[in-house]
Amino acid sequence: MSDVKLMELAEAPGENQCKRIELVHPLTDFVYPLAVYFLDGRYFVITDTCKECHGSLARGKRVGLFAFCSKEDHPWNVKTGLLKYDRTRSMPVYRVHVRDDGIYIEI
């Protein structure tokens, strides 16, 4: 695992907000579409592309810890990555580290 910088603190979403970013891994050049949430004083990062319909979580609505995709309203838990109605389905979530120079995730 390695820590990869997502963004500067000034670019981070505010409380109860979300920001969509496309992170290019510095070693592999792999593009990660991510949704970054700031909820109850904590950052959560989940893959932005819904595994069920390929909609965007960041562009959909959110209720509590559940982000609903923009196409078919599939509810994904931003903390655990689990689909609300089928816990056998999951999406990648990333451990977040907040530092003085920005927000990082473990990849």
PDB file of N, CA and C in Angstrom:
ATOM      1  N   MET A   1       0.835  -1.186   0.000  1.00  0.00           N
ATOM      2  CA  MET A   1       0.000   0.000   0.000  1.00  0.00           C
ATOM      3  C   MET A   1       0.878   1.246   0.000  1.00  0.00           C
ATOM      4  N   SER A   2       0.380   2.267  -0.647  1.00  0.00           N
ATOM      5  CA  SER A   2       1.085   3.540  -0.633  1.00  0.00           C
ATOM      6  C   SER A   2       0.078   4.665  -0.440  1.00  0.00           C
ATOM      7  N   ASP A   3       0.530   5.747   0.192  1.00  0.00           N
ATOM      8  CA  ASP A   3      -0.307   6.927   0.363  1.00  0.00           C
ATOM      9  C   ASP A   3      -0.167   7.806  -0.870  1.00  0.00           C
ATOM     10  N   VAL A   4      -1.307   8.205  -1.417  1.00  0.00           N
ATOM     11  CA  VAL A   4      -1.339   9.053  -2.599  1.00  0.00           C
ATOM     12  C   VAL A   4      -2.151  10.296  -2.268  1.00  0.00           C
ATOM     13  N   LYS A   5      -1.613  11.439  -2.604  1.00  0.00           N
ATOM     14  CA  LYS A   5      -2.296  12.702  -2.306  1.00  0.00           C
ATOM     15  C   LYS A   5      -3.487  12.891  -3.230  1.00  0.00           C
ATOM     16  N   LEU A   6      -4.654  13.145  -2.628  1.00  0.00           N
ATOM     17  CA  LEU A   6      -5.872  13.408  -3.391  1.00  0.00           C
ATOM     18  C   LEU A   6      -6.009  14.867  -3.762  1.00  0.00           C
ATOM     19  N   MET A   7      -5.833  15.729  -2.735  1.00  0.00           N
ATOM     20  CA  MET A   7      -6.081  17.152  -2.947  1.00  0.00           C
ATOM     21  C   MET A   7      -5.525  17.960  -1.799  1.00  0.00           C
ATOM     22  N   GLU A   8      -5.421  19.265  -2.031  1.00  0.00           N
ATOM     23  CA  GLU A   8      -5.058  20.198  -0.979  1.00  0.00           C
ATOM     24  C   GLU A   8      -6.260  20.349  -0.044  1.00  0.00           C
ATOM     25  N   LEU A   9      -6.015  20.726   1.201  1.00  0.00           N
ATOM     26  CA  LEU A   9      -7.111  20.936   2.148  1.00  0.00           C
ATOM     27  C   LEU A   9      -8.070  22.016   1.671  1.00  0.00           C
ATOM     28  N   ALA A  10      -7.550  23.040   1.000  1.00  0.00           N
ATOM     29  CA  ALA A  10      -8.402  24.124   0.501  1.00  0.00           C
ATOM     30  C   ALA A  10      -9.364  23.651  -0.587  1.00  0.00           C
ATOM     31  N   GLU A  11      -9.051  22.548  -1.269  1.00  0.00           N
ATOM     32  CA  GLU A  11      -9.897  22.015  -2.334  1.00  0.00           C
ATOM     33  C   GLU A  11     -10.921  21.010  -1.835  1.00  0.00           C
ATOM     34  N   ALA A  12     -10.832  20.610  -0.575  1.00  0.00           N
ATOM     35  CA  ALA A  12     -11.676  19.560  -0.015  1.00  0.00           C
ATOM     36  C   ALA A  12     -13.129  20.017   0.093  1.00  0.00           C
ATOM     37  N   PRO A  13     -14.072  19.082   0.000  1.00  0.00           N
ATOM     38  CA  PRO A  13     -15.481  19.446   0.145  1.00  0.00           C
ATOM     39  C   PRO A  13     -15.785  19.904   1.565  1.00  0.00           C
ATOM     40  N   GLY A  14     -16.802  20.746   1.697  1.00  0.00           N
ATOM     41  CA  GLY A  14     -17.243  21.208   3.000  1.00  0.00           C
ATOM     42  C   GLY A  14     -18.140  20.178   3.675  1.00  0.00           C
ATOM     43  N   GLU A  15     -18.558  20.457   4.891  1.00  0.00           N
ATOM     44  CA  GLU A  15     -19.417  19.548   5.660  1.00  0.00           C
ATOM     45  C   GLU A  15     -20.680  19.197   4.869  1.00  0.00           C
ATOM     46  N   ASN A  16     -21.002  17.889   4.844  1.00  0.00           N
ATOM     47  CA  ASN A  16     -22.166  17.336   4.144  1.00  0.00           C
ATOM     48  C   ASN A  16     -22.125  17.567   2.637  1.00  0.00           C
ATOM     49  N   GLN A  17     -20.925  17.676   2.086  1.00  0.00           N
ATOM     50  CA  GLN A  17     -20.776  17.860   0.649  1.00  0.00           C
ATOM     51  C   GLN A  17     -19.913  16.748   0.059  1.00  0.00           C
ATOM     52  N   CYS A  18     -19.932  16.679  -1.257  1.00  0.00           N
ATOM     53  CA  CYS A  18     -19.156  15.672  -1.977  1.00  0.00           C
ATOM     54  C   CYS A  18     -18.433  16.340  -3.138  1.00  0.00           C
ATOM     55  N   LYS A  19     -17.300  15.765  -3.482  1.00  0.00           N
ATOM     56  CA  LYS A  19     -16.535  16.245  -4.639  1.00  0.00           C
ATOM     57  C   LYS A  19     -16.077  15.034  -5.438  1.00  0.00           C
ATOM     58  N   ARG A  20     -16.265  15.088  -6.753  1.00  0.00           N
ATOM     59  CA  ARG A  20     -15.804  14.012  -7.632  1.00  0.00           C
ATOM     60  C   ARG A  20     -14.444  14.391  -8.181  1.00  0.00           C
ATOM     61  N   ILE A  21     -13.514  13.439  -8.122  1.00  0.00           N
ATOM     62  CA  ILE A  21     -12.194  13.679  -8.704  1.00  0.00           C
ATOM     63  C   ILE A  21     -11.757  12.449  -9.487  1.00  0.00           C
ATOM     64  N   GLU A  22     -10.858  12.650 -10.399  1.00  0.00           N
ATOM     65  CA  GLU A  22     -10.216  11.547 -11.116  1.00  0.00           C
ATOM     66  C   GLU A  22      -8.752  11.573 -10.730  1.00  0.00           C
ATOM     67  N   LEU A  23      -8.378  10.622  -9.927  1.00  0.00           N
ATOM     68  CA  LEU A  23      -7.002  10.527  -9.448  1.00  0.00           C
ATOM     69  C   LEU A  23      -6.201   9.648 -10.389  1.00  0.00           C
ATOM     70  N   VAL A  24      -5.080  10.153 -10.853  1.00  0.00           N
ATOM     71  CA  VAL A  24      -4.155   9.356 -11.657  1.00  0.00           C
ATOM     72  C   VAL A  24      -3.055   8.888 -10.718  1.00  0.00           C
ATOM     73  N   HIS A  25      -2.950   7.565 -10.535  1.00  0.00           N
ATOM     74  CA  HIS A  25      -1.934   7.015  -9.637  1.00  0.00           C
ATOM     75  C   HIS A  25      -0.555   7.388 -10.173  1.00  0.00           C
ATOM     76  N   PRO A  26       0.302   7.956  -9.330  1.00  0.00           N
ATOM     77  CA  PRO A  26       1.604   8.441  -9.813  1.00  0.00           C
ATOM     78  C   PRO A  26       2.555   7.347 -10.290  1.00  0.00           C
ATOM     79  N   LEU A  27       2.359   6.116  -9.861  1.00  0.00           N
ATOM     80  CA  LEU A  27       3.268   5.045 -10.281  1.00  0.00           C
ATOM     81  C   LEU A  27       2.736   4.225 -11.449  1.00  0.00           C
ATOM     82  N   THR A  28       1.421   4.040 -11.505  1.00  0.00           N
ATOM     83  CA  THR A  28       0.844   3.152 -12.520  1.00  0.00           C
ATOM     84  C   THR A  28       0.104   3.879 -13.635  1.00  0.00           C
ATOM     85  N   ASP A  29      -0.172   5.172 -13.453  1.00  0.00           N
ATOM     86  CA  ASP A  29      -0.981   5.966 -14.383  1.00  0.00           C
ATOM     87  C   ASP A  29      -2.413   5.451 -14.499  1.00  0.00           C
ATOM     88  N   PHE A  30      -2.834   4.577 -13.576  1.00  0.00           N
ATOM     89  CA  PHE A  30      -4.214   4.098 -13.544  1.00  0.00           C
ATOM     90  C   PHE A  30      -5.113   5.224 -13.043  1.00  0.00           C
ATOM     91  N   VAL A  31      -6.260   5.428 -13.706  1.00  0.00           N
ATOM     92  CA  VAL A  31      -7.184   6.496 -13.320  1.00  0.00           C
ATOM     93  C   VAL A  31      -8.240   5.946 -12.370  1.00  0.00           C
ATOM     94  N   TYR A  32      -8.363   6.578 -11.225  1.00  0.00           N
ATOM     95  CA  TYR A  32      -9.352   6.215 -10.214  1.00  0.00           C
ATOM     96  C   TYR A  32     -10.432   7.305 -10.171  1.00  0.00           C
ATOM     97  N   PRO A  33     -11.668   7.027 -10.634  1.00  0.00           N
ATOM     98  CA  PRO A  33     -12.755   7.986 -10.442  1.00  0.00           C
ATOM     99  C   PRO A  33     -13.260   7.835  -8.998  1.00  0.00           C
ATOM    100  N   LEU A  34     -13.183   8.902  -8.226  1.00  0.00           N
ATOM    101  CA  LEU A  34     -13.490   8.828  -6.802  1.00  0.00           C
ATOM    102  C   LEU A  34     -14.512   9.875  -6.386  1.00  0.00           C
ATOM    103  N   ALA A  35     -15.296   9.526  -5.372  1.00  0.00           N
ATOM    104  CA  ALA A  35     -16.207  10.464  -4.723  1.00  0.00           C
ATOM    105  C   ALA A  35     -15.672  10.691  -3.320  1.00  0.00           C
ATOM    106  N   VAL A  36     -15.419  11.955  -2.973  1.00  0.00           N
ATOM    107  CA  VAL A  36     -14.868  12.325  -1.673  1.00  0.00           C
ATOM    108  C   VAL A  36     -15.975  13.022  -0.882  1.00  0.00           C
ATOM    109  N   TYR A  37     -16.345  12.440   0.253  1.00  0.00           N
ATOM    110  CA  TYR A  37     -17.402  12.989   1.107  1.00  0.00           C
ATOM    111  C   TYR A  37     -16.806  13.502   2.400  1.00  0.00           C
ATOM    112  N   PHE A  38     -17.380  14.578   2.934  1.00  0.00           N
ATOM    113  CA  PHE A  38     -17.022  15.081   4.253  1.00  0.00           C
ATOM    114  C   PHE A  38     -18.299  15.084   5.088  1.00  0.00           C
ATOM    115  N   LEU A  39     -18.399  14.114   6.001  1.00  0.00           N
ATOM    116  CA  LEU A  39     -19.613  13.906   6.782  1.00  0.00           C
ATOM    117  C   LEU A  39     -19.271  13.788   8.259  1.00  0.00           C
ATOM    118  N   ASP A  40     -19.940  14.548   9.083  1.00  0.00           N
ATOM    119  CA  ASP A  40     -19.731  14.502  10.540  1.00  0.00           C
ATOM    120  C   ASP A  40     -18.262  14.642  10.914  1.00  0.00           C
ATOM    121  N   GLY A  41     -17.554  15.536  10.231  1.00  0.00           N
ATOM    122  CA  GLY A  41     -16.169  15.814  10.558  1.00  0.00           C
ATOM    123  C   GLY A  41     -15.161  14.787  10.064  1.00  0.00           C
ATOM    124  N   ARG A  42     -15.589  13.843   9.210  1.00  0.00           N
ATOM    125  CA  ARG A  42     -14.691  12.810   8.672  1.00  0.00           C
ATOM    126  C   ARG A  42     -14.790  12.757   7.159  1.00  0.00           C
ATOM    127  N   TYR A  43     -13.668  12.438   6.533  1.00  0.00           N
ATOM    128  CA  TYR A  43     -13.641  12.243   5.090  1.00  0.00           C
ATOM    129  C   TYR A  43     -13.835  10.769   4.771  1.00  0.00           C
ATOM    130  N   PHE A  44     -14.611  10.514   3.725  1.00  0.00           N
ATOM    131  CA  PHE A  44     -14.823   9.165   3.214  1.00  0.00           C
ATOM    132  C   PHE A  44     -14.572   9.219   1.710  1.00  0.00           C
ATOM    133  N   VAL A  45     -13.885   8.189   1.198  1.00  0.00           N
ATOM    134  CA  VAL A  45     -13.610   8.126  -0.235  1.00  0.00           C
ATOM    135  C   VAL A  45     -14.050   6.761  -0.744  1.00  0.00           C
ATOM    136  N   ILE A  46     -14.877   6.783  -1.783  1.00  0.00           N
ATOM    137  CA  ILE A  46     -15.403   5.565  -2.395  1.00  0.00           C
ATOM    138  C   ILE A  46     -15.266   5.706  -3.907  1.00  0.00           C
ATOM    139  N   THR A  47     -15.156   4.603  -4.600  1.00  0.00           N
ATOM    140  CA  THR A  47     -15.143   4.631  -6.055  1.00  0.00           C
ATOM    141  C   THR A  47     -16.411   5.305  -6.539  1.00  0.00           C
ATOM    142  N   ASP A  48     -16.287   6.196  -7.493  1.00  0.00           N
ATOM    143  CA  ASP A  48     -17.437   6.991  -7.932  1.00  0.00           C
ATOM    144  C   ASP A  48     -18.367   6.247  -8.874  1.00  0.00           C
ATOM    145  N   THR A  49     -17.906   5.267  -9.599  1.00  0.00           N
ATOM    146  CA  THR A  49     -18.709   4.596 -10.617  1.00  0.00           C
ATOM    147  C   THR A  49     -19.470   3.411 -10.020  1.00  0.00           C
ATOM    148  N   CYS A  50     -20.800   3.490 -10.057  1.00  0.00           N
ATOM    149  CA  CYS A  50     -21.668   2.432  -9.524  1.00  0.00           C
ATOM    150  C   CYS A  50     -21.424   1.125 -10.265  1.00  0.00           C
ATOM    151  N   LYS A  51     -21.226   0.043  -9.522  1.00  0.00           N
ATOM    152  CA  LYS A  51     -21.001  -1.267 -10.141  1.00  0.00           C
ATOM    153  C   LYS A  51     -22.262  -1.837 -10.777  1.00  0.00           C
ATOM    154  N   GLU A  52     -23.430  -1.348 -10.373  1.00  0.00           N
ATOM    155  CA  GLU A  52     -24.688  -1.877 -10.893  1.00  0.00           C
ATOM    156  C   GLU A  52     -25.084  -1.250 -12.231  1.00  0.00           C
ATOM    157  N   CYS A  53     -24.889   0.071 -12.380  1.00  0.00           N
ATOM    158  CA  CYS A  53     -25.387   0.736 -13.587  1.00  0.00           C
ATOM    159  C   CYS A  53     -24.404   1.748 -14.176  1.00  0.00           C
ATOM    160  N   HIS A  54     -23.240   1.914 -13.563  1.00  0.00           N
ATOM    161  CA  HIS A  54     -22.191   2.827 -14.013  1.00  0.00           C
ATOM    162  C   HIS A  54     -22.545   4.311 -13.849  1.00  0.00           C
ATOM    163  N   GLY A  55     -23.531   4.604 -13.000  1.00  0.00           N
ATOM    164  CA  GLY A  55     -23.841   5.994 -12.672  1.00  0.00           C
ATOM    165  C   GLY A  55     -22.807   6.552 -11.706  1.00  0.00           C
ATOM    166  N   SER A  56     -22.856   7.853 -11.488  1.00  0.00           N
ATOM    167  CA  SER A  56     -21.918   8.530 -10.591  1.00  0.00           C
ATOM    168  C   SER A  56     -22.524   8.667  -9.200  1.00  0.00           C
ATOM    169  N   LEU A  57     -21.775   8.287  -8.175  1.00  0.00           N
ATOM    170  CA  LEU A  57     -22.248   8.504  -6.805  1.00  0.00           C
ATOM    171  C   LEU A  57     -22.158   9.972  -6.423  1.00  0.00           C
ATOM    172  N   ALA A  58     -21.103  10.637  -6.843  1.00  0.00           N
ATOM    173  CA  ALA A  58     -20.916  12.045  -6.492  1.00  0.00           C
ATOM    174  C   ALA A  58     -22.008  12.927  -7.092  1.00  0.00           C
ATOM    175  N   ARG A  59     -22.558  12.528  -8.211  1.00  0.00           N
ATOM    176  CA  ARG A  59     -23.598  13.330  -8.872  1.00  0.00           C
ATOM    177  C   ARG A  59     -25.004  12.947  -8.420  1.00  0.00           C
ATOM    178  N   GLY A  60     -25.109  11.900  -7.599  1.00  0.00           N
ATOM    179  CA  GLY A  60     -26.410  11.476  -7.084  1.00  0.00           C
ATOM    180  C   GLY A  60     -26.701  12.112  -5.734  1.00  0.00           C
ATOM    181  N   LYS A  61     -27.786  11.684  -5.119  1.00  0.00           N
ATOM    182  CA  LYS A  61     -28.150  12.231  -3.806  1.00  0.00           C
ATOM    183  C   LYS A  61     -27.508  11.401  -2.706  1.00  0.00           C
ATOM    184  N   ARG A  62     -27.539  11.928  -1.490  1.00  0.00           N
ATOM    185  CA  ARG A  62     -26.987  11.226  -0.327  1.00  0.00           C
ATOM    186  C   ARG A  62     -27.956  11.344   0.826  1.00  0.00           C
ATOM    187  N   VAL A  63     -28.143  10.226   1.533  1.00  0.00           N
ATOM    188  CA  VAL A  63     -28.963  10.192   2.748  1.00  0.00           C
ATOM    189  C   VAL A  63     -28.139   9.478   3.814  1.00  0.00           C
ATOM    190  N   GLY A  64     -27.741  10.205   4.855  1.00  0.00           N
ATOM    191  CA  GLY A  64     -26.887   9.619   5.885  1.00  0.00           C
ATOM    192  C   GLY A  64     -25.571   9.190   5.276  1.00  0.00           C
ATOM    193  N   LEU A  65     -25.188   7.947   5.535  1.00  0.00           N
ATOM    194  CA  LEU A  65     -23.951   7.407   4.968  1.00  0.00           C
ATOM    195  C   LEU A  65     -24.159   6.741   3.613  1.00  0.00           C
ATOM    196  N   PHE A  66     -25.362   6.823   3.050  1.00  0.00           N
ATOM    197  CA  PHE A  66     -25.643   6.186   1.774  1.00  0.00           C
ATOM    198  C   PHE A  66     -25.648   7.198   0.632  1.00  0.00           C
ATOM    199  N   ALA A  67     -24.840   6.898  -0.379  1.00  0.00           N
ATOM    200  CA  ALA A  67     -24.801   7.689  -1.608  1.00  0.00           C
ATOM    201  C   ALA A  67     -25.566   6.908  -2.663  1.00  0.00           C
ATOM    202  N   PHE A  68     -26.490   7.579  -3.326  1.00  0.00           N
ATOM    203  CA  PHE A  68     -27.312   6.955  -4.352  1.00  0.00           C
ATOM    204  C   PHE A  68     -26.756   7.351  -5.712  1.00  0.00           C
ATOM    205  N   CYS A  69     -26.566   6.377  -6.592  1.00  0.00           N
ATOM    206  CA  CYS A  69     -25.984   6.672  -7.895  1.00  0.00           C
ATOM    207  C   CYS A  69     -26.934   7.538  -8.722  1.00  0.00           C
ATOM    208  N   SER A  70     -26.372   8.239  -9.666  1.00  0.00           N
ATOM    209  CA  SER A  70     -27.128   9.214 -10.460  1.00  0.00           C
ATOM    210  C   SER A  70     -28.064   8.582 -11.488  1.00  0.00           C
ATOM    211  N   LYS A  71     -27.872   7.317 -11.834  1.00  0.00           N
ATOM    212  CA  LYS A  71     -28.712   6.700 -12.867  1.00  0.00           C
ATOM    213  C   LYS A  71     -29.922   5.965 -12.284  1.00  0.00           C
ATOM    214  N   GLU A  72     -29.688   5.003 -11.395  1.00  0.00           N
ATOM    215  CA  GLU A  72     -30.779   4.145 -10.933  1.00  0.00           C
ATOM    216  C   GLU A  72     -30.959   4.146  -9.418  1.00  0.00           C
ATOM    217  N   ASP A  73     -30.325   5.101  -8.733  1.00  0.00           N
ATOM    218  CA  ASP A  73     -30.479   5.263  -7.273  1.00  0.00           C
ATOM    219  C   ASP A  73     -30.062   4.039  -6.452  1.00  0.00           C
ATOM    220  N   HIS A  74     -29.017   3.344  -6.875  1.00  0.00           N
ATOM    221  CA  HIS A  74     -28.500   2.257  -6.049  1.00  0.00           C
ATOM    222  C   HIS A  74     -27.814   2.866  -4.826  1.00  0.00           C
ATOM    223  N   PRO A  75     -28.177   2.444  -3.604  1.00  0.00           N
ATOM    224  CA  PRO A  75     -27.611   3.048  -2.387  1.00  0.00           C
ATOM    225  C   PRO A  75     -26.350   2.328  -1.901  1.00  0.00           C
ATOM    226  N   TRP A  76     -25.220   3.029  -1.922  1.00  0.00           N
ATOM    227  CA  TRP A  76     -23.935   2.494  -1.474  1.00  0.00           C
ATOM    228  C   TRP A  76     -23.515   3.187  -0.191  1.00  0.00           C
ATOM    229  N   ASN A  77     -23.053   2.415   0.786  1.00  0.00           N
ATOM    230  CA  ASN A  77     -22.562   2.973   2.037  1.00  0.00           C
ATOM    231  C   ASN A  77     -21.154   3.521   1.792  1.00  0.00           C
ATOM    232  N   VAL A  78     -20.956   4.819   2.029  1.00  0.00           N
ATOM    233  CA  VAL A  78     -19.661   5.441   1.729  1.00  0.00           C
ATOM    234  C   VAL A  78     -18.581   5.040   2.727  1.00  0.00           C
ATOM    235  N   LYS A  79     -18.981   4.497   3.862  1.00  0.00           N
ATOM    236  CA  LYS A  79     -18.013   4.059   4.875  1.00  0.00           C
ATOM    237  C   LYS A  79     -17.549   2.623   4.620  1.00  0.00           C
ATOM    238  N   THR A  80     -18.483   1.732   4.289  1.00  0.00           N
ATOM    239  CA  THR A  80     -18.152   0.316   4.130  1.00  0.00           C
ATOM    240  C   THR A  80     -18.041  -0.133   2.676  1.00  0.00           C
ATOM    241  N   GLY A  81     -18.670   0.615   1.760  1.00  0.00           N
ATOM    242  CA  GLY A  81     -18.687   0.228   0.357  1.00  0.00           C
ATOM    243  C   GLY A  81     -19.761  -0.774   0.002  1.00  0.00           C
ATOM    244  N   LEU A  82     -20.618  -1.147   0.958  1.00  0.00           N
ATOM    245  CA  LEU A  82     -21.633  -2.173   0.711  1.00  0.00           C
ATOM    246  C   LEU A  82     -22.909  -1.585   0.113  1.00  0.00           C
ATOM    247  N   LEU A  83     -23.541  -2.367  -0.782  1.00  0.00           N
ATOM    248  CA  LEU A  83     -24.834  -2.004  -1.345  1.00  0.00           C
ATOM    249  C   LEU A  83     -25.895  -2.251  -0.279  1.00  0.00           C
ATOM    250  N   LYS A  84     -26.782  -1.299  -0.065  1.00  0.00           N
ATOM    251  CA  LYS A  84     -27.739  -1.361   1.047  1.00  0.00           C
ATOM    252  C   LYS A  84     -28.611  -2.615   1.016  1.00  0.00           C
ATOM    253  N   TYR A  85     -29.118  -2.993  -0.146  1.00  0.00           N
ATOM    254  CA  TYR A  85     -30.071  -4.100  -0.237  1.00  0.00           C
ATOM    255  C   TYR A  85     -29.451  -5.439  -0.635  1.00  0.00           C
ATOM    256  N   ASP A  86     -28.153  -5.450  -0.845  1.00  0.00           N
ATOM    257  CA  ASP A  86     -27.466  -6.700  -1.186  1.00  0.00           C
ATOM    258  C   ASP A  86     -26.034  -6.607  -0.672  1.00  0.00           C
ATOM    259  N   ARG A  87     -25.831  -7.022   0.552  1.00  0.00           N
ATOM    260  CA  ARG A  87     -24.532  -6.868   1.199  1.00  0.00           C
ATOM    261  C   ARG A  87     -23.453  -7.789   0.619  1.00  0.00           C
ATOM    262  N   THR A  88     -23.802  -8.578  -0.391  1.00  0.00           N
ATOM    263  CA  THR A  88     -22.780  -9.365  -1.079  1.00  0.00           C
ATOM    264  C   THR A  88     -22.102  -8.523  -2.161  1.00  0.00           C
ATOM    265  N   ARG A  89     -22.678  -7.360  -2.473  1.00  0.00           N
ATOM    266  CA  ARG A  89     -22.114  -6.454  -3.480  1.00  0.00           C
ATOM    267  C   ARG A  89     -21.391  -5.324  -2.770  1.00  0.00           C
ATOM    268  N   SER A  90     -20.206  -4.997  -3.245  1.00  0.00           N
ATOM    269  CA  SER A  90     -19.442  -3.914  -2.615  1.00  0.00           C
ATOM    270  C   SER A  90     -18.616  -3.166  -3.652  1.00  0.00           C
ATOM    271  N   MET A  91     -18.218  -1.967  -3.259  1.00  0.00           N
ATOM    272  CA  MET A  91     -17.337  -1.139  -4.081  1.00  0.00           C
ATOM    273  C   MET A  91     -16.137  -0.750  -3.232  1.00  0.00           C
ATOM    274  N   PRO A  92     -15.005  -0.461  -3.872  1.00  0.00           N
ATOM    275  CA  PRO A  92     -13.820  -0.081  -3.102  1.00  0.00           C
ATOM    276  C   PRO A  92     -14.022   1.236  -2.337  1.00  0.00           C
ATOM    277  N   VAL A  93     -13.594   1.204  -1.080  1.00  0.00           N
ATOM    278  CA  VAL A  93     -13.490   2.406  -0.258  1.00  0.00           C
ATOM    279  C   VAL A  93     -12.028   2.532   0.133  1.00  0.00           C
ATOM    280  N   TYR A  94     -11.609   3.733   0.471  1.00  0.00           N
ATOM    281  CA  TYR A  94     -10.193   3.985   0.722  1.00  0.00           C
ATOM    282  C   TYR A  94      -9.993   4.628   2.076  1.00  0.00           C
ATOM    283  N   ARG A  95      -8.962   4.191   2.786  1.00  0.00           N
ATOM    284  CA  ARG A  95      -8.601   4.791   4.067  1.00  0.00           C
ATOM    285  C   ARG A  95      -8.026   6.176   3.809  1.00  0.00           C
ATOM    286  N   VAL A  96      -8.522   7.157   4.560  1.00  0.00           N
ATOM    287  CA  VAL A  96      -8.154   8.556   4.347  1.00  0.00           C
ATOM    288  C   VAL A  96      -7.241   9.034   5.470  1.00  0.00           C
ATOM    289  N   HIS A  97      -6.219   9.793   5.097  1.00  0.00           N
ATOM    290  CA  HIS A  97      -5.319  10.433   6.052  1.00  0.00           C
ATOM    291  C   HIS A  97      -5.310  11.928   5.761  1.00  0.00           C
ATOM    292  N   VAL A  98      -5.613  12.724   6.781  1.00  0.00           N
ATOM    293  CA  VAL A  98      -5.564  14.181   6.638  1.00  0.00           C
ATOM    294  C   VAL A  98      -4.256  14.660   7.245  1.00  0.00           C
ATOM    295  N   ARG A  99      -3.490  15.365   6.442  1.00  0.00           N
ATOM    296  CA  ARG A  99      -2.208  15.913   6.886  1.00  0.00           C
ATOM    297  C   ARG A  99      -2.211  17.424   6.684  1.00  0.00           C
ATOM    298  N   ASP A 100      -1.184  18.069   7.191  1.00  0.00           N
ATOM    299  CA  ASP A 100      -1.091  19.522   7.062  1.00  0.00           C
ATOM    300  C   ASP A 100      -1.048  19.986   5.615  1.00  0.00           C
ATOM    301  N   ASP A 101      -0.496  19.146   4.732  1.00  0.00           N
ATOM    302  CA  ASP A 101      -0.356  19.559   3.331  1.00  0.00           C
ATOM    303  C   ASP A 101      -1.432  18.987   2.406  1.00  0.00           C
ATOM    304  N   GLY A 102      -2.446  18.298   2.957  1.00  0.00           N
ATOM    305  CA  GLY A 102      -3.516  17.798   2.095  1.00  0.00           C
ATOM    306  C   GLY A 102      -4.178  16.533   2.587  1.00  0.00           C
ATOM    307  N   ILE A 103      -5.000  15.968   1.719  1.00  0.00           N
ATOM    308  CA  ILE A 103      -5.744  14.741   2.007  1.00  0.00           C
ATOM    309  C   ILE A 103      -5.142  13.620   1.173  1.00  0.00           C
ATOM    310  N   TYR A 104      -4.869  12.497   1.820  1.00  0.00           N
ATOM    311  CA  TYR A 104      -4.244  11.339   1.187  1.00  0.00           C
ATOM    312  C   TYR A 104      -5.140  10.120   1.356  1.00  0.00           C
ATOM    313  N   ILE A 105      -5.007   9.157   0.429  1.00  0.00           N
ATOM    314  CA  ILE A 105      -5.670   7.869   0.584  1.00  0.00           C
ATOM    315  C   ILE A 105      -4.639   6.760   0.410  1.00  0.00           C
ATOM    316  N   GLU A 106      -4.950   5.596   0.988  1.00  0.00           N
ATOM    317  CA  GLU A 106      -4.099   4.417   0.804  1.00  0.00           C
ATOM    318  C   GLU A 106      -4.582   3.650  -0.417  1.00  0.00           C
ATOM    319  N   ILE A 107      -3.653   3.422  -1.324  1.00  0.00           N
ATOM    320  CA  ILE A 107      -3.955   2.615  -2.514  1.00  0.00           C
ATOM    321  C   ILE A 107      -2.957   1.482  -2.583  1.00  0.00           C
TER     322      ILE A 107
END
